[in-house]
């Protein structure tokens, strides 16, 4: 249940960034790549949460955070 709540909380940030980039008309290749990386990082994080692998869970979170940072950078550079 906590993994799901965390995924929903992080989806708000991710969705806001992606929708902002879309509204700004940004279509950089890095944006699509970052979105795919974010998705797979969240899948890995959820699996690591179930498997009770805290270091993999932390890595999944860090990669997802970095993907959001890449999207934010694309918005701010524009």
PDB file of N, CA and C in Angstrom:
ATOM      1  N   UNK A   1       0.812  -1.187   0.000  1.00  0.00           N
ATOM      2  CA  UNK A   1       0.000   0.000   0.000  1.00  0.00           C
ATOM      3  C   UNK A   1       0.870   1.272   0.000  1.00  0.00           C
ATOM      4  N   UNK A   2       1.979   1.253   0.751  1.00  0.00           N
ATOM      5  CA  UNK A   2       2.854   2.426   0.796  1.00  0.00           C
ATOM      6  C   UNK A   2       3.537   2.663  -0.543  1.00  0.00           C
ATOM      7  N   UNK A   3       3.876   1.585  -1.254  1.00  0.00           N
ATOM      8  CA  UNK A   3       4.507   1.745  -2.569  1.00  0.00           C
ATOM      9  C   UNK A   3       3.546   2.411  -3.540  1.00  0.00           C
ATOM     10  N   UNK A   4       2.283   2.035  -3.470  1.00  0.00           N
ATOM     11  CA  UNK A   4       1.286   2.634  -4.347  1.00  0.00           C
ATOM     12  C   UNK A   4       1.086   4.114  -4.011  1.00  0.00           C
ATOM     13  N   UNK A   5       1.003   4.426  -2.730  1.00  0.00           N
ATOM     14  CA  UNK A   5       0.840   5.823  -2.315  1.00  0.00           C
ATOM     15  C   UNK A   5       2.024   6.669  -2.786  1.00  0.00           C
ATOM     16  N   UNK A   6       3.227   6.119  -2.692  1.00  0.00           N
ATOM     17  CA  UNK A   6       4.408   6.842  -3.154  1.00  0.00           C
ATOM     18  C   UNK A   6       4.361   7.050  -4.661  1.00  0.00           C
ATOM     19  N   UNK A   7       3.912   6.041  -5.393  1.00  0.00           N
ATOM     20  CA  UNK A   7       3.821   6.164  -6.848  1.00  0.00           C
ATOM     21  C   UNK A   7       2.821   7.248  -7.236  1.00  0.00           C
ATOM     22  N   UNK A   8       1.704   7.324  -6.525  1.00  0.00           N
ATOM     23  CA  UNK A   8       0.700   8.349  -6.817  1.00  0.00           C
ATOM     24  C   UNK A   8       1.249   9.739  -6.500  1.00  0.00           C
ATOM     25  N   UNK A   9       1.957   9.870  -5.388  1.00  0.00           N
ATOM     26  CA  UNK A   9       2.535  11.164  -5.026  1.00  0.00           C
ATOM     27  C   UNK A   9       3.540  11.634  -6.070  1.00  0.00           C
ATOM     28  N   UNK A  10       4.363  10.738  -6.561  1.00  0.00           N
ATOM     29  CA  UNK A  10       5.370  11.106  -7.552  1.00  0.00           C
ATOM     30  C   UNK A  10       4.765  11.312  -8.934  1.00  0.00           C
ATOM     31  N   UNK A  11       3.635  10.680  -9.200  1.00  0.00           N
ATOM     32  CA  UNK A  11       2.967  10.859 -10.483  1.00  0.00           C
ATOM     33  C   UNK A  11       2.496  12.298 -10.644  1.00  0.00           C
ATOM     34  N   UNK A  12       2.124  12.946  -9.545  1.00  0.00           N
ATOM     35  CA  UNK A  12       1.676  14.340  -9.610  1.00  0.00           C
ATOM     36  C   UNK A  12       2.794  15.225 -10.159  1.00  0.00           C
ATOM     37  N   UNK A  13       3.998  15.053  -9.661  1.00  0.00           N
ATOM     38  CA  UNK A  13       5.137  15.852 -10.130  1.00  0.00           C
ATOM     39  C   UNK A  13       5.436  15.527 -11.588  1.00  0.00           C
ATOM     40  N   UNK A  14       5.496  14.252 -11.910  1.00  0.00           N
ATOM     41  CA  UNK A  14       5.800  13.826 -13.274  1.00  0.00           C
ATOM     42  C   UNK A  14       4.745  14.340 -14.253  1.00  0.00           C
ATOM     43  N   UNK A  15       3.487  14.186 -13.905  1.00  0.00           N
ATOM     44  CA  UNK A  15       2.408  14.623 -14.801  1.00  0.00           C
ATOM     45  C   UNK A  15       2.439  16.134 -14.997  1.00  0.00           C
ATOM     46  N   UNK A  16       2.683  16.875 -13.932  1.00  0.00           N
ATOM     47  CA  UNK A  16       2.756  18.333 -14.055  1.00  0.00           C
ATOM     48  C   UNK A  16       3.884  18.744 -14.998  1.00  0.00           C
ATOM     49  N   UNK A  17       5.017  18.092 -14.886  1.00  0.00           N
ATOM     50  CA  UNK A  17       6.150  18.421 -15.762  1.00  0.00           C
ATOM     51  C   UNK A  17       5.849  18.074 -17.215  1.00  0.00           C
ATOM     52  N   UNK A  18       5.295  16.900 -17.441  1.00  0.00           N
ATOM     53  CA  UNK A  18       5.012  16.471 -18.814  1.00  0.00           C
ATOM     54  C   UNK A  18       3.926  17.348 -19.438  1.00  0.00           C
ATOM     55  N   UNK A  19       2.893  17.661 -18.681  1.00  0.00           N
ATOM     56  CA  UNK A  19       1.831  18.509 -19.217  1.00  0.00           C
ATOM     57  C   UNK A  19       2.323  19.931 -19.487  1.00  0.00           C
ATOM     58  N   UNK A  20       3.197  20.429 -18.634  1.00  0.00           N
ATOM     59  CA  UNK A  20       3.781  21.751 -18.860  1.00  0.00           C
ATOM     60  C   UNK A  20       4.638  21.754 -20.122  1.00  0.00           C
ATOM     61  N   UNK A  21       5.441  20.718 -20.288  1.00  0.00           N
ATOM     62  CA  UNK A  21       6.273  20.621 -21.493  1.00  0.00           C
ATOM     63  C   UNK A  21       5.402  20.516 -22.742  1.00  0.00           C
ATOM     64  N   UNK A  22       4.326  19.771 -22.652  1.00  0.00           N
ATOM     65  CA  UNK A  22       3.418  19.634 -23.787  1.00  0.00           C
ATOM     66  C   UNK A  22       2.746  20.969 -24.114  1.00  0.00           C
ATOM     67  N   UNK A  23       2.293  21.679 -23.093  1.00  0.00           N
ATOM     68  CA  UNK A  23       1.643  22.978 -23.304  1.00  0.00           C
ATOM     69  C   UNK A  23       2.618  23.997 -23.883  1.00  0.00           C
ATOM     70  N   UNK A  24       3.895  23.866 -23.544  1.00  0.00           N
ATOM     71  CA  UNK A  24       4.911  24.781 -24.069  1.00  0.00           C
ATOM     72  C   UNK A  24       5.365  24.397 -25.472  1.00  0.00           C
ATOM     73  N   UNK A  25       4.897  23.258 -25.952  1.00  0.00           N
ATOM     74  CA  UNK A  25       5.257  22.824 -27.295  1.00  0.00           C
ATOM     75  C   UNK A  25       6.649  22.237 -27.401  1.00  0.00           C
ATOM     76  N   UNK A  26       7.166  21.737 -26.306  1.00  0.00           N
ATOM     77  CA  UNK A  26       8.509  21.159 -26.303  1.00  0.00           C
ATOM     78  C   UNK A  26       8.412  19.712 -26.758  1.00  0.00           C
ATOM     79  N   UNK A  27       9.191  19.368 -27.773  1.00  0.00           N
ATOM     80  CA  UNK A  27       9.182  17.994 -28.267  1.00  0.00           C
ATOM     81  C   UNK A  27      10.604  17.480 -28.462  1.00  0.00           C
ATOM     82  N   UNK A  28      11.472  17.771 -27.527  1.00  0.00           N
ATOM     83  CA  UNK A  28      12.863  17.330 -27.611  1.00  0.00           C
ATOM     84  C   UNK A  28      12.951  15.819 -27.410  1.00  0.00           C
ATOM     85  N   UNK A  29      13.882  15.166 -28.086  1.00  0.00           N
ATOM     86  CA  UNK A  29      14.050  13.717 -27.890  1.00  0.00           C
ATOM     87  C   UNK A  29      14.357  13.355 -26.439  1.00  0.00           C
ATOM     88  N   UNK A  30      15.038  14.242 -25.730  1.00  0.00           N
ATOM     89  CA  UNK A  30      15.362  13.970 -24.328  1.00  0.00           C
ATOM     90  C   UNK A  30      14.104  13.864 -23.482  1.00  0.00           C
ATOM     91  N   UNK A  31      13.062  14.558 -23.864  1.00  0.00           N
ATOM     92  CA  UNK A  31      11.807  14.521 -23.117  1.00  0.00           C
ATOM     93  C   UNK A  31      11.169  13.133 -23.180  1.00  0.00           C
ATOM     94  N   UNK A  32      11.106  12.575 -24.363  1.00  0.00           N
ATOM     95  CA  UNK A  32      10.539  11.230 -24.520  1.00  0.00           C
ATOM     96  C   UNK A  32      11.381  10.176 -23.830  1.00  0.00           C
ATOM     97  N   UNK A  33      12.681  10.306 -23.946  1.00  0.00           N
ATOM     98  CA  UNK A  33      13.578   9.359 -23.284  1.00  0.00           C
ATOM     99  C   UNK A  33      13.436   9.449 -21.770  1.00  0.00           C
ATOM    100  N   UNK A  34      13.370  10.655 -21.244  1.00  0.00           N
ATOM    101  CA  UNK A  34      13.222  10.833 -19.799  1.00  0.00           C
ATOM    102  C   UNK A  34      11.908  10.256 -19.308  1.00  0.00           C
ATOM    103  N   UNK A  35      10.844  10.391 -20.089  1.00  0.00           N
ATOM    104  CA  UNK A  35       9.554   9.826 -19.695  1.00  0.00           C
ATOM    105  C   UNK A  35       9.614   8.298 -19.645  1.00  0.00           C
ATOM    106  N   UNK A  36      10.286   7.691 -20.625  1.00  0.00           N
ATOM    107  CA  UNK A  36      10.420   6.227 -20.610  1.00  0.00           C
ATOM    108  C   UNK A  36      11.289   5.766 -19.447  1.00  0.00           C
ATOM    109  N   UNK A  37      12.361   6.480 -19.194  1.00  0.00           N
ATOM    110  CA  UNK A  37      13.240   6.139 -18.070  1.00  0.00           C
ATOM    111  C   UNK A  37      12.469   6.250 -16.759  1.00  0.00           C
ATOM    112  N   UNK A  38      11.667   7.307 -16.615  1.00  0.00           N
ATOM    113  CA  UNK A  38      10.862   7.483 -15.405  1.00  0.00           C
ATOM    114  C   UNK A  38       9.924   6.292 -15.212  1.00  0.00           C
ATOM    115  N   UNK A  39       9.240   5.896 -16.273  1.00  0.00           N
ATOM    116  CA  UNK A  39       8.305   4.772 -16.181  1.00  0.00           C
ATOM    117  C   UNK A  39       9.006   3.501 -15.708  1.00  0.00           C
ATOM    118  N   UNK A  40      10.117   3.166 -16.352  1.00  0.00           N
ATOM    119  CA  UNK A  40      10.812   1.929 -15.986  1.00  0.00           C
ATOM    120  C   UNK A  40      11.458   2.019 -14.613  1.00  0.00           C
ATOM    121  N   UNK A  41      11.895   3.190 -14.222  1.00  0.00           N
ATOM    122  CA  UNK A  41      12.439   3.367 -12.865  1.00  0.00           C
ATOM    123  C   UNK A  41      11.358   3.116 -11.825  1.00  0.00           C
ATOM    124  N   UNK A  42      10.143   3.568 -12.103  1.00  0.00           N
ATOM    125  CA  UNK A  42       9.037   3.335 -11.174  1.00  0.00           C
ATOM    126  C   UNK A  42       8.654   1.853 -11.132  1.00  0.00           C
ATOM    127  N   UNK A  43       8.733   1.171 -12.262  1.00  0.00           N
ATOM    128  CA  UNK A  43       8.452  -0.276 -12.283  1.00  0.00           C
ATOM    129  C   UNK A  43       9.493  -1.012 -11.447  1.00  0.00           C
ATOM    130  N   UNK A  44      10.759  -0.668 -11.636  1.00  0.00           N
ATOM    131  CA  UNK A  44      11.833  -1.295 -10.860  1.00  0.00           C
ATOM    132  C   UNK A  44      11.663  -0.993  -9.383  1.00  0.00           C
ATOM    133  N   UNK A  45      11.302   0.244  -9.059  1.00  0.00           N
ATOM    134  CA  UNK A  45      11.120   0.627  -7.660  1.00  0.00           C
ATOM    135  C   UNK A  45       9.989  -0.167  -7.013  1.00  0.00           C
ATOM    136  N   UNK A  46       8.893  -0.345  -7.725  1.00  0.00           N
ATOM    137  CA  UNK A  46       7.771  -1.117  -7.181  1.00  0.00           C
ATOM    138  C   UNK A  46       8.165  -2.578  -6.962  1.00  0.00           C
ATOM    139  N   UNK A  47       8.880  -3.147  -7.928  1.00  0.00           N
ATOM    140  CA  UNK A  47       9.329  -4.535  -7.777  1.00  0.00           C
ATOM    141  C   UNK A  47      10.312  -4.670  -6.620  1.00  0.00           C
ATOM    142  N   UNK A  48      11.192  -3.702  -6.477  1.00  0.00           N
ATOM    143  CA  UNK A  48      12.161  -3.732  -5.379  1.00  0.00           C
ATOM    144  C   UNK A  48      11.457  -3.573  -4.033  1.00  0.00           C
ATOM    145  N   UNK A  49      10.392  -2.814  -4.001  1.00  0.00           N
ATOM    146  CA  UNK A  49       9.628  -2.635  -2.764  1.00  0.00           C
ATOM    147  C   UNK A  49       9.004  -3.965  -2.340  1.00  0.00           C
ATOM    148  N   UNK A  50       8.440  -4.674  -3.315  1.00  0.00           N
ATOM    149  CA  UNK A  50       7.828  -5.974  -3.021  1.00  0.00           C
ATOM    150  C   UNK A  50       8.892  -6.987  -2.615  1.00  0.00           C
ATOM    151  N   UNK A  51      10.052  -6.944  -3.279  1.00  0.00           N
ATOM    152  CA  UNK A  51      11.127  -7.891  -2.997  1.00  0.00           C
ATOM    153  C   UNK A  51      11.959  -7.506  -1.774  1.00  0.00           C
ATOM    154  N   UNK A  52      11.642  -6.367  -1.169  1.00  0.00           N
ATOM    155  CA  UNK A  52      12.347  -5.882   0.022  1.00  0.00           C
ATOM    156  C   UNK A  52      13.850  -5.697  -0.236  1.00  0.00           C
ATOM    157  N   UNK A  53      14.138  -4.969  -1.311  1.00  0.00           N
ATOM    158  CA  UNK A  53      15.514  -4.636  -1.674  1.00  0.00           C
ATOM    159  C   UNK A  53      15.679  -3.121  -1.568  1.00  0.00           C
ATOM    160  N   UNK A  54      16.022  -2.631  -0.379  1.00  0.00           N
ATOM    161  CA  UNK A  54      16.030  -1.173  -0.181  1.00  0.00           C
ATOM    162  C   UNK A  54      17.021  -0.422  -1.062  1.00  0.00           C
ATOM    163  N   UNK A  55      18.176  -0.986  -1.354  1.00  0.00           N
ATOM    164  CA  UNK A  55      19.149  -0.268  -2.174  1.00  0.00           C
ATOM    165  C   UNK A  55      18.683  -0.161  -3.617  1.00  0.00           C
ATOM    166  N   UNK A  56      17.979  -1.174  -4.127  1.00  0.00           N
ATOM    167  CA  UNK A  56      17.429  -1.103  -5.487  1.00  0.00           C
ATOM    168  C   UNK A  56      16.275  -0.107  -5.516  1.00  0.00           C
ATOM    169  N   UNK A  57      15.492  -0.092  -4.459  1.00  0.00           N
ATOM    170  CA  UNK A  57      14.381   0.858  -4.351  1.00  0.00           C
ATOM    171  C   UNK A  57      14.912   2.296  -4.361  1.00  0.00           C
ATOM    172  N   UNK A  58      15.981   2.533  -3.636  1.00  0.00           N
ATOM    173  CA  UNK A  58      16.591   3.859  -3.610  1.00  0.00           C
ATOM    174  C   UNK A  58      17.138   4.233  -4.985  1.00  0.00           C
ATOM    175  N   UNK A  59      17.756   3.286  -5.646  1.00  0.00           N
ATOM    176  CA  UNK A  59      18.282   3.525  -6.991  1.00  0.00           C
ATOM    177  C   UNK A  59      17.147   3.852  -7.960  1.00  0.00           C
ATOM    178  N   UNK A  60      16.045   3.122  -7.869  1.00  0.00           N
ATOM    179  CA  UNK A  60      14.891   3.400  -8.717  1.00  0.00           C
ATOM    180  C   UNK A  60      14.335   4.791  -8.477  1.00  0.00           C
ATOM    181  N   UNK A  61      14.284   5.190  -7.211  1.00  0.00           N
ATOM    182  CA  UNK A  61      13.815   6.533  -6.890  1.00  0.00           C
ATOM    183  C   UNK A  61      14.750   7.590  -7.463  1.00  0.00           C
ATOM    184  N   UNK A  62      16.055   7.388  -7.299  1.00  0.00           N
ATOM    185  CA  UNK A  62      17.037   8.360  -7.777  1.00  0.00           C
ATOM    186  C   UNK A  62      16.978   8.505  -9.297  1.00  0.00           C
ATOM    187  N   UNK A  63      16.833   7.408  -9.986  1.00  0.00           N
ATOM    188  CA  UNK A  63      16.748   7.464 -11.452  1.00  0.00           C
ATOM    189  C   UNK A  63      15.469   8.169 -11.880  1.00  0.00           C
ATOM    190  N   UNK A  64      14.360   7.887 -11.210  1.00  0.00           N
ATOM    191  CA  UNK A  64      13.101   8.571 -11.518  1.00  0.00           C
ATOM    192  C   UNK A  64      13.194  10.062 -11.249  1.00  0.00           C
ATOM    193  N   UNK A  65      13.853  10.424 -10.153  1.00  0.00           N
ATOM    194  CA  UNK A  65      14.036  11.838  -9.821  1.00  0.00           C
ATOM    195  C   UNK A  65      14.892  12.520 -10.883  1.00  0.00           C
ATOM    196  N   UNK A  66      15.946  11.853 -11.315  1.00  0.00           N
ATOM    197  CA  UNK A  66      16.811  12.403 -12.355  1.00  0.00           C
ATOM    198  C   UNK A  66      16.039  12.590 -13.664  1.00  0.00           C
ATOM    199  N   UNK A  67      15.169  11.638 -13.993  1.00  0.00           N
ATOM    200  CA  UNK A  67      14.358  11.766 -15.211  1.00  0.00           C
ATOM    201  C   UNK A  67      13.446  12.986 -15.118  1.00  0.00           C
ATOM    202  N   UNK A  68      12.859  13.223 -13.954  1.00  0.00           N
ATOM    203  CA  UNK A  68      12.029  14.416 -13.763  1.00  0.00           C
ATOM    204  C   UNK A  68      12.878  15.679 -13.868  1.00  0.00           C
ATOM    205  N   UNK A  69      14.094  15.626 -13.373  1.00  0.00           N
ATOM    206  CA  UNK A  69      14.994  16.778 -13.465  1.00  0.00           C
ATOM    207  C   UNK A  69      15.339  17.079 -14.923  1.00  0.00           C
ATOM    208  N   UNK A  70      15.498  16.051 -15.736  1.00  0.00           N
ATOM    209  CA  UNK A  70      15.770  16.254 -17.168  1.00  0.00           C
ATOM    210  C   UNK A  70      14.580  16.935 -17.841  1.00  0.00           C
ATOM    211  N   UNK A  71      13.382  16.506 -17.506  1.00  0.00           N
ATOM    212  CA  UNK A  71      12.185  17.122 -18.078  1.00  0.00           C
ATOM    213  C   UNK A  71      12.082  18.586 -17.626  1.00  0.00           C
ATOM    214  N   UNK A  72      12.335  18.836 -16.352  1.00  0.00           N
ATOM    215  CA  UNK A  72      12.287  20.205 -15.835  1.00  0.00           C
ATOM    216  C   UNK A  72      13.330  21.079 -16.538  1.00  0.00           C
ATOM    217  N   UNK A  73      14.496  20.523 -16.780  1.00  0.00           N
ATOM    218  CA  UNK A  73      15.539  21.289 -17.484  1.00  0.00           C
ATOM    219  C   UNK A  73      15.107  21.645 -18.889  1.00  0.00           C
ATOM    220  N   UNK A  74      14.437  20.716 -19.570  1.00  0.00           N
ATOM    221  CA  UNK A  74      13.949  21.005 -20.923  1.00  0.00           C
ATOM    222  C   UNK A  74      12.950  22.157 -20.899  1.00  0.00           C
ATOM    223  N   UNK A  75      12.138  22.220 -19.860  1.00  0.00           N
ATOM    224  CA  UNK A  75      11.170  23.308 -19.729  1.00  0.00           C
ATOM    225  C   UNK A  75      11.874  24.624 -19.436  1.00  0.00           C
ATOM    226  N   UNK A  76      12.823  24.595 -18.502  1.00  0.00           N
ATOM    227  CA  UNK A  76      13.489  25.826 -18.079  1.00  0.00           C
ATOM    228  C   UNK A  76      14.422  26.394 -19.142  1.00  0.00           C
ATOM    229  N   UNK A  77      15.021  25.545 -19.940  1.00  0.00           N
ATOM    230  CA  UNK A  77      15.928  26.003 -20.991  1.00  0.00           C
ATOM    231  C   UNK A  77      15.153  26.689 -22.094  1.00  0.00           C
ATOM    232  N   UNK A  78      13.944  26.257 -22.306  1.00  0.00           N
ATOM    233  CA  UNK A  78      13.097  26.823 -23.354  1.00  0.00           C
ATOM    234  C   UNK A  78      12.714  28.173 -22.956  1.00  0.00           C
TER     235      UNK A  78
END
